[in-house]
Amino acid sequence: MKSMRGGFGEMLVELGKKNPDIVVLTADLADSTRVKEFAEAFPNRFFQVGVAEQALVTVAAGMAGAGKIPFITSYAVFSPGRTFEQIKVTAALSDLPVKIVGSHAGFGASMYGATHQSLEDIALMRVIPNMVVVSPCDYEEAKKATFAVAENGKPSYLRLARQDSPIITDENSKFEIGKAVILRESKDPQVAIIGCGPVLAEALAAADQLKDIGIEVMVINNHTIKPIDDIAITNAARICGAIVTVEEHQVMGGLGSTVAEVVTQGHIVPMEFVGVKDVFGESAKNYQELWKKFGLTKENITEAVKKVITRKNS
């Protein structure tokens, strides 16, 4: 169990050692977003803008225009939540390589309630032209994703959870922006479970439960929402004949909607969506309580698989 934001912070320091053009800016959240270590290692390349998220983006865009590779960090509910216009106009419109890092995404800030739970950030970022959107599933993948967005030369959104979560990949796992990864294969899968973020650990647990009752599934880590891997999704639809999407985000506009867009233009199959269903979050002791409340557990995924199989066979 390790945090994605921890993996991000560690890789950022490593990147800073190799590339003097990497700079980091934050909106009064250096410790929470794990850029404090970068600030200590490279004080002349770290900029604290204070509680001024719009300025965070516009200053970074200016730096990017001057040849730097800026990483900007805040809670996802503030950036991109509060900074959409600045991201669109000052970074994406000019195709500048500003790296927007949204920490505490999903239900990670459980105790702070709906105002601090970002369940719409993927939807916001995926509609902006030129923007790359990545949602890693664990600590190891967060490190790889940080390296990848630093190198891609594009405005990019990196979505990170607050909490420690199971490590389901390893140092040798493949990671390439825009290329989904099969986490679980079977000889004759009946359903493809396609997910992103830490809730993928629940998808793998659901796959184990389903196998015990004779249902084989394929589990796909779709870490890049944009550009989406339409080839992998279409192939999964053809092989399995049914899809369940899983995300810690609003289904509307999120991964589920993105996958549905691909399916309707390729191999059409029945789908079910595990995610937040057009409601706000609420306060809780921890994110697990909210996953249970809003239907993001392995039990919910198992039921969604059974439901889509019934539809497939009807």
Protein backbone atom coordinates (compact mmCIF):
# COMPACT_ATOMS: atom_id res chain seq x y z
CA MET A 1 0.00 0.00 0.00
CA LYS A 2 1.54 3.27 -1.18
CA SER A 3 0.18 6.57 -2.41
CA MET A 4 0.21 7.74 -6.01
CA ARG A 5 1.15 11.24 -4.92
CA GLY A 6 4.19 9.72 -3.21
CA GLY A 7 5.26 8.06 -6.45
CA PHE A 8 4.71 11.32 -8.31
CA GLY A 9 6.84 13.28 -5.83
CA GLU A 10 9.69 10.76 -5.98
CA MET A 11 9.79 10.72 -9.78
CA LEU A 12 9.63 14.50 -9.92
CA VAL A 13 12.87 14.73 -7.95
CA GLU A 14 14.52 12.20 -10.27
CA LEU A 15 13.37 14.16 -13.32
CA GLY A 16 14.66 17.36 -11.76
CA LYS A 17 18.15 15.87 -11.49
CA LYS A 18 18.17 14.98 -15.19
CA ASN A 19 16.40 17.96 -16.74
CA PRO A 20 17.12 21.54 -15.59
CA ASP A 21 14.09 22.83 -17.53
CA ILE A 22 11.65 21.14 -15.16
CA VAL A 23 10.10 23.59 -12.71
CA VAL A 24 7.38 23.09 -10.12
CA LEU A 25 4.69 25.48 -8.94
CA THR A 26 2.08 24.95 -6.26
CA ALA A 27 -0.81 26.82 -4.67
CA ASP A 28 0.13 26.56 -0.99
CA LEU A 29 0.06 22.75 -1.03
CA ALA A 30 3.70 21.65 -1.31
CA ASP A 31 3.45 19.00 1.40
CA SER A 32 0.01 17.63 0.51
CA THR A 33 0.87 17.28 -3.17
CA ARG A 34 4.32 15.83 -2.39
CA VAL A 35 6.43 18.47 -4.11
CA LYS A 36 8.15 19.57 -0.89
CA GLU A 37 11.10 17.29 -1.67
CA PHE A 38 11.52 18.91 -5.08
CA ALA A 39 11.42 22.34 -3.42
CA GLU A 40 14.17 21.30 -1.01
CA ALA A 41 16.33 19.78 -3.76
CA PHE A 42 15.85 22.59 -6.30
CA PRO A 43 14.81 25.77 -4.45
CA ASN A 44 15.53 28.00 -7.47
CA ARG A 45 13.13 25.95 -9.62
CA PHE A 46 10.24 25.86 -7.17
CA PHE A 47 7.58 28.58 -7.02
CA GLN A 48 4.96 29.03 -4.32
CA VAL A 49 2.14 31.18 -5.73
CA GLY A 50 -0.05 30.98 -2.64
CA VAL A 51 -3.80 30.43 -2.71
CA ALA A 52 -4.13 31.77 -6.26
CA GLU A 53 -4.88 28.82 -8.52
CA GLN A 54 -5.63 30.85 -11.65
CA ALA A 55 -2.25 32.55 -11.31
CA LEU A 56 -0.72 29.11 -10.82
CA VAL A 57 -1.76 28.18 -14.36
CA THR A 58 -1.01 31.46 -16.09
CA VAL A 59 2.46 31.80 -14.58
CA ALA A 60 3.20 28.21 -15.60
CA ALA A 61 1.99 28.90 -19.14
CA GLY A 62 4.41 31.82 -19.36
CA MET A 63 7.24 29.60 -18.20
CA ALA A 64 6.28 26.92 -20.73
CA GLY A 65 6.30 29.55 -23.47
CA ALA A 66 9.85 30.39 -22.42
CA GLY A 67 10.98 26.77 -22.78
CA LYS A 68 10.42 25.36 -19.31
CA ILE A 69 8.43 22.22 -18.42
CA PRO A 70 6.23 23.34 -15.52
CA PHE A 71 4.40 20.94 -13.21
CA ILE A 72 1.61 22.68 -11.29
CA THR A 73 0.03 21.03 -8.25
CA SER A 74 -3.11 21.52 -6.23
CA TYR A 75 -6.12 19.50 -5.17
CA ALA A 76 -8.05 18.38 -8.24
CA VAL A 77 -11.16 20.18 -6.97
CA PHE A 78 -9.20 23.46 -7.25
CA SER A 79 -7.16 22.67 -10.35
CA PRO A 80 -8.70 21.93 -12.82
CA GLY A 81 -11.93 22.64 -10.91
CA ARG A 82 -11.21 26.34 -10.36
CA THR A 83 -8.78 26.88 -13.24
CA PHE A 84 -10.63 25.57 -16.29
CA GLU A 85 -10.59 28.85 -18.22
CA GLN A 86 -6.91 29.48 -17.59
CA ILE A 87 -5.98 25.92 -18.57
CA LYS A 88 -8.02 26.18 -21.76
CA VAL A 89 -6.90 29.65 -22.85
CA THR A 90 -3.34 30.10 -21.58
CA ALA A 91 -2.04 26.53 -21.81
CA ALA A 92 -4.04 24.33 -24.17
CA LEU A 93 -4.94 26.90 -26.84
CA SER A 94 -1.23 27.50 -27.49
CA ASP A 95 -0.43 23.79 -26.99
CA LEU A 96 2.04 24.58 -24.21
CA PRO A 97 3.50 21.70 -22.15
CA VAL A 98 1.97 22.67 -18.80
CA LYS A 99 1.54 19.60 -16.58
CA ILE A 100 -1.56 19.94 -14.39
CA VAL A 101 -1.39 17.59 -11.41
CA GLY A 102 -4.72 17.16 -9.63
CA SER A 103 -4.17 15.50 -6.26
CA HIS A 104 -6.83 14.19 -3.85
CA ALA A 105 -9.05 13.25 -6.81
CA GLY A 106 -12.16 11.13 -6.35
CA PHE A 107 -13.18 10.45 -2.74
CA GLY A 108 -9.70 10.77 -1.25
CA ALA A 109 -10.58 13.92 0.69
CA SER A 110 -13.40 11.99 2.31
CA MET A 111 -13.64 13.89 5.58
CA TYR A 112 -13.90 17.28 3.85
CA GLY A 113 -17.10 16.44 2.02
CA ALA A 114 -18.50 17.20 -1.42
CA THR A 115 -16.74 20.55 -1.82
CA HIS A 116 -13.33 18.85 -1.78
CA GLN A 117 -14.19 15.67 -3.68
CA SER A 118 -13.33 15.99 -7.35
CA LEU A 119 -15.60 13.69 -9.34
CA GLU A 120 -15.77 15.79 -12.52
CA ASP A 121 -12.14 16.54 -13.36
CA ILE A 122 -11.70 13.91 -16.09
CA ALA A 123 -14.80 15.24 -17.85
CA LEU A 124 -13.46 18.81 -17.67
CA MET A 125 -10.02 17.94 -19.01
CA ARG A 126 -10.97 15.51 -21.77
CA VAL A 127 -13.05 18.08 -23.64
CA ILE A 128 -10.15 20.54 -24.01
CA PRO A 129 -8.34 20.24 -27.36
CA ASN A 130 -4.62 19.31 -27.16
CA MET A 131 -5.02 18.02 -23.58
CA VAL A 132 -3.67 14.60 -22.54
CA VAL A 133 -5.51 12.98 -19.61
CA VAL A 134 -3.88 10.24 -17.52
CA SER A 135 -5.27 8.47 -14.44
CA PRO A 136 -2.70 5.98 -13.08
CA CYS A 137 -3.82 3.06 -10.95
CA ASP A 138 -1.11 2.90 -8.28
CA TYR A 139 2.20 4.18 -6.91
CA GLU A 140 4.37 2.49 -9.54
CA GLU A 141 2.22 3.65 -12.43
CA ALA A 142 2.13 7.19 -11.04
CA LYS A 143 5.91 7.27 -11.30
CA LYS A 144 5.83 6.08 -14.91
CA ALA A 145 3.03 8.49 -15.80
CA THR A 146 4.95 11.42 -14.30
CA PHE A 147 7.97 10.55 -16.43
CA ALA A 148 5.82 10.11 -19.53
CA VAL A 149 3.98 13.43 -19.29
CA ALA A 150 7.26 15.23 -18.62
CA GLU A 151 8.52 13.93 -21.96
CA ASN A 152 5.43 14.25 -24.17
CA GLY A 153 5.63 17.95 -25.04
CA LYS A 154 1.86 18.42 -24.54
CA PRO A 155 -0.46 20.06 -22.02
CA SER A 156 -1.30 17.16 -19.75
CA TYR A 157 -3.53 16.36 -16.79
CA LEU A 158 -2.28 13.83 -14.25
CA ARG A 159 -4.96 12.61 -11.84
CA LEU A 160 -3.74 11.39 -8.44
CA ALA A 161 -5.50 9.89 -5.43
CA ARG A 162 -4.75 11.02 -1.89
CA GLN A 163 -4.93 7.68 -0.12
CA ASP A 164 -2.52 4.78 0.04
CA SER A 165 -3.77 2.10 -2.33
CA PRO A 166 -2.76 -1.43 -3.35
CA ILE A 167 0.17 -1.71 -5.74
CA ILE A 168 -1.14 -3.80 -8.64
CA THR A 169 1.66 -3.12 -11.13
CA ASP A 170 5.43 -3.31 -10.72
CA GLU A 171 8.62 -1.59 -11.87
CA ASN A 172 8.67 -3.66 -15.06
CA SER A 173 5.03 -3.13 -16.04
CA LYS A 174 4.63 -1.45 -19.41
CA PHE A 175 3.34 2.10 -19.52
CA GLU A 176 2.78 4.17 -22.63
CA ILE A 177 0.46 7.13 -22.95
CA GLY A 178 -2.54 6.10 -25.05
CA LYS A 179 -1.96 2.35 -24.70
CA ALA A 180 -4.24 0.36 -22.41
CA VAL A 181 -2.82 -2.63 -20.54
CA ILE A 182 -4.47 -6.01 -19.93
CA LEU A 183 -4.10 -6.79 -16.22
CA ARG A 184 -6.03 -10.07 -16.24
CA GLU A 185 -6.54 -12.41 -19.19
CA SER A 186 -8.50 -15.64 -19.58
CA LYS A 187 -9.01 -18.16 -22.36
CA ASP A 188 -12.69 -17.43 -22.91
CA PRO A 189 -13.67 -14.13 -21.23
CA GLN A 190 -17.36 -13.28 -21.13
CA VAL A 191 -16.91 -9.64 -20.10
CA ALA A 192 -14.19 -7.00 -20.29
CA ILE A 193 -13.84 -4.85 -17.18
CA ILE A 194 -12.22 -1.57 -18.21
CA GLY A 195 -11.12 0.79 -15.47
CA CYS A 196 -8.69 3.45 -14.32
CA GLY A 197 -7.32 4.70 -11.03
CA PRO A 198 -7.06 2.93 -7.65
CA VAL A 199 -10.53 1.37 -7.96
CA LEU A 200 -8.94 -1.08 -10.43
CA ALA A 201 -7.84 -3.05 -7.38
CA GLU A 202 -11.55 -3.69 -6.72
CA ALA A 203 -11.96 -4.83 -10.33
CA LEU A 204 -9.22 -7.42 -9.86
CA ALA A 205 -10.84 -8.60 -6.64
CA ALA A 206 -14.17 -8.87 -8.47
CA ALA A 207 -12.47 -10.93 -11.18
CA ASP A 208 -11.38 -13.41 -8.51
CA GLN A 209 -14.92 -13.62 -7.11
CA LEU A 210 -16.37 -14.15 -10.58
CA LYS A 211 -13.87 -16.86 -11.45
CA ASP A 212 -14.97 -18.78 -8.34
CA ILE A 213 -18.50 -18.94 -9.77
CA GLY A 214 -17.38 -19.84 -13.27
CA ILE A 215 -17.39 -16.41 -14.92
CA GLU A 216 -14.20 -15.49 -16.74
CA VAL A 217 -13.40 -11.81 -17.30
CA MET A 218 -10.68 -9.71 -18.89
CA VAL A 219 -9.49 -6.74 -16.78
CA ILE A 220 -8.03 -3.75 -18.65
CA ASN A 221 -6.16 -0.83 -17.14
CA ASN A 222 -7.19 2.11 -19.31
CA HIS A 223 -4.87 4.61 -17.62
CA THR A 224 -5.07 7.12 -20.48
CA ILE A 225 -8.51 8.58 -21.01
CA LYS A 226 -7.22 10.89 -23.73
CA PRO A 227 -5.94 9.86 -26.21
CA ILE A 228 -8.13 6.78 -25.69
CA ASP A 229 -6.89 3.39 -26.89
CA ASP A 230 -9.76 2.71 -29.28
CA ILE A 231 -8.01 -0.35 -30.74
CA ALA A 232 -7.75 -2.08 -27.36
CA ILE A 233 -11.35 -1.25 -26.46
CA THR A 234 -12.73 -2.42 -29.79
CA ASN A 235 -10.72 -5.65 -29.58
CA ALA A 236 -12.02 -6.25 -26.04
CA ALA A 237 -15.58 -5.71 -27.25
CA ARG A 238 -15.10 -8.24 -30.07
CA ILE A 239 -13.45 -10.85 -27.84
CA CYS A 240 -15.74 -10.55 -24.81
CA GLY A 241 -19.05 -9.35 -26.23
CA ALA A 242 -19.78 -7.15 -23.20
CA ILE A 243 -18.08 -4.38 -21.21
CA VAL A 244 -18.23 -3.02 -17.66
CA THR A 245 -16.42 0.27 -16.95
CA VAL A 246 -15.14 1.12 -13.47
CA GLU A 247 -14.07 4.56 -12.24
CA GLU A 248 -13.95 6.77 -9.15
CA HIS A 249 -15.57 9.62 -11.07
CA GLN A 250 -18.87 10.64 -12.53
CA VAL A 251 -19.88 8.14 -15.21
CA MET A 252 -21.21 11.08 -17.23
CA GLY A 253 -18.23 12.50 -19.10
CA GLY A 254 -15.69 10.17 -17.53
CA LEU A 255 -14.10 6.90 -18.55
CA GLY A 256 -17.46 5.19 -19.01
CA SER A 257 -18.65 7.83 -21.46
CA THR A 258 -15.32 7.73 -23.31
CA VAL A 259 -15.42 3.96 -23.72
CA ALA A 260 -19.07 4.13 -24.84
CA GLU A 261 -18.11 6.63 -27.53
CA VAL A 262 -15.54 4.17 -28.86
CA VAL A 263 -17.92 1.20 -28.68
CA THR A 264 -20.70 2.98 -30.56
CA GLN A 265 -18.30 3.73 -33.41
CA GLY A 266 -16.81 0.25 -33.55
CA HIS A 267 -18.06 -3.09 -32.26
CA ILE A 268 -21.31 -2.38 -30.39
CA VAL A 269 -21.87 -4.52 -27.28
CA PRO A 270 -23.95 -4.16 -24.08
CA MET A 271 -22.29 -2.09 -21.36
CA GLU A 272 -22.72 -1.41 -17.66
CA PHE A 273 -21.14 1.49 -15.79
CA VAL A 274 -19.70 1.36 -12.26
CA GLY A 275 -19.05 4.90 -11.07
CA VAL A 276 -20.74 7.90 -9.53
CA LYS A 277 -24.22 8.36 -10.95
CA ASP A 278 -24.90 12.10 -11.21
CA VAL A 279 -24.77 12.87 -7.48
CA PHE A 280 -22.47 14.83 -5.18
CA GLY A 281 -20.25 13.15 -2.61
CA GLU A 282 -20.55 13.56 1.14
CA SER A 283 -18.44 13.51 4.27
CA ALA A 284 -17.16 10.21 5.65
CA LYS A 285 -14.43 8.80 7.86
CA ASN A 286 -12.54 7.36 4.88
CA TYR A 287 -12.80 6.72 1.16
CA GLN A 288 -13.80 3.07 1.66
CA GLU A 289 -17.07 4.17 3.25
CA LEU A 290 -17.79 6.33 0.20
CA TRP A 291 -16.86 3.58 -2.26
CA LYS A 292 -19.44 1.42 -0.52
CA LYS A 293 -22.02 4.22 -0.36
CA PHE A 294 -21.69 5.08 -4.05
CA GLY A 295 -21.31 1.56 -5.41
CA LEU A 296 -17.61 1.26 -6.29
CA THR A 297 -16.74 -1.98 -4.50
CA LYS A 298 -15.88 -5.42 -5.82
CA GLU A 299 -19.43 -6.52 -4.96
CA ASN A 300 -20.88 -3.77 -7.14
CA ILE A 301 -18.54 -4.69 -9.99
CA THR A 302 -19.50 -8.35 -9.66
CA GLU A 303 -23.20 -7.47 -9.89
CA ALA A 304 -22.58 -5.25 -12.91
CA VAL A 305 -20.81 -8.13 -14.67
CA LYS A 306 -23.70 -10.50 -13.97
CA LYS A 307 -26.18 -7.91 -15.23
CA VAL A 308 -24.34 -7.28 -18.48
CA ILE A 309 -24.00 -11.02 -19.13
CA THR A 310 -27.79 -11.36 -18.76
CA ARG A 311 -28.26 -8.55 -21.27
CA LYS A 312 -25.69 -10.09 -23.60
CA ASN A 313 -27.46 -13.46 -23.55
CA SER A 314 -31.01 -12.12 -23.83
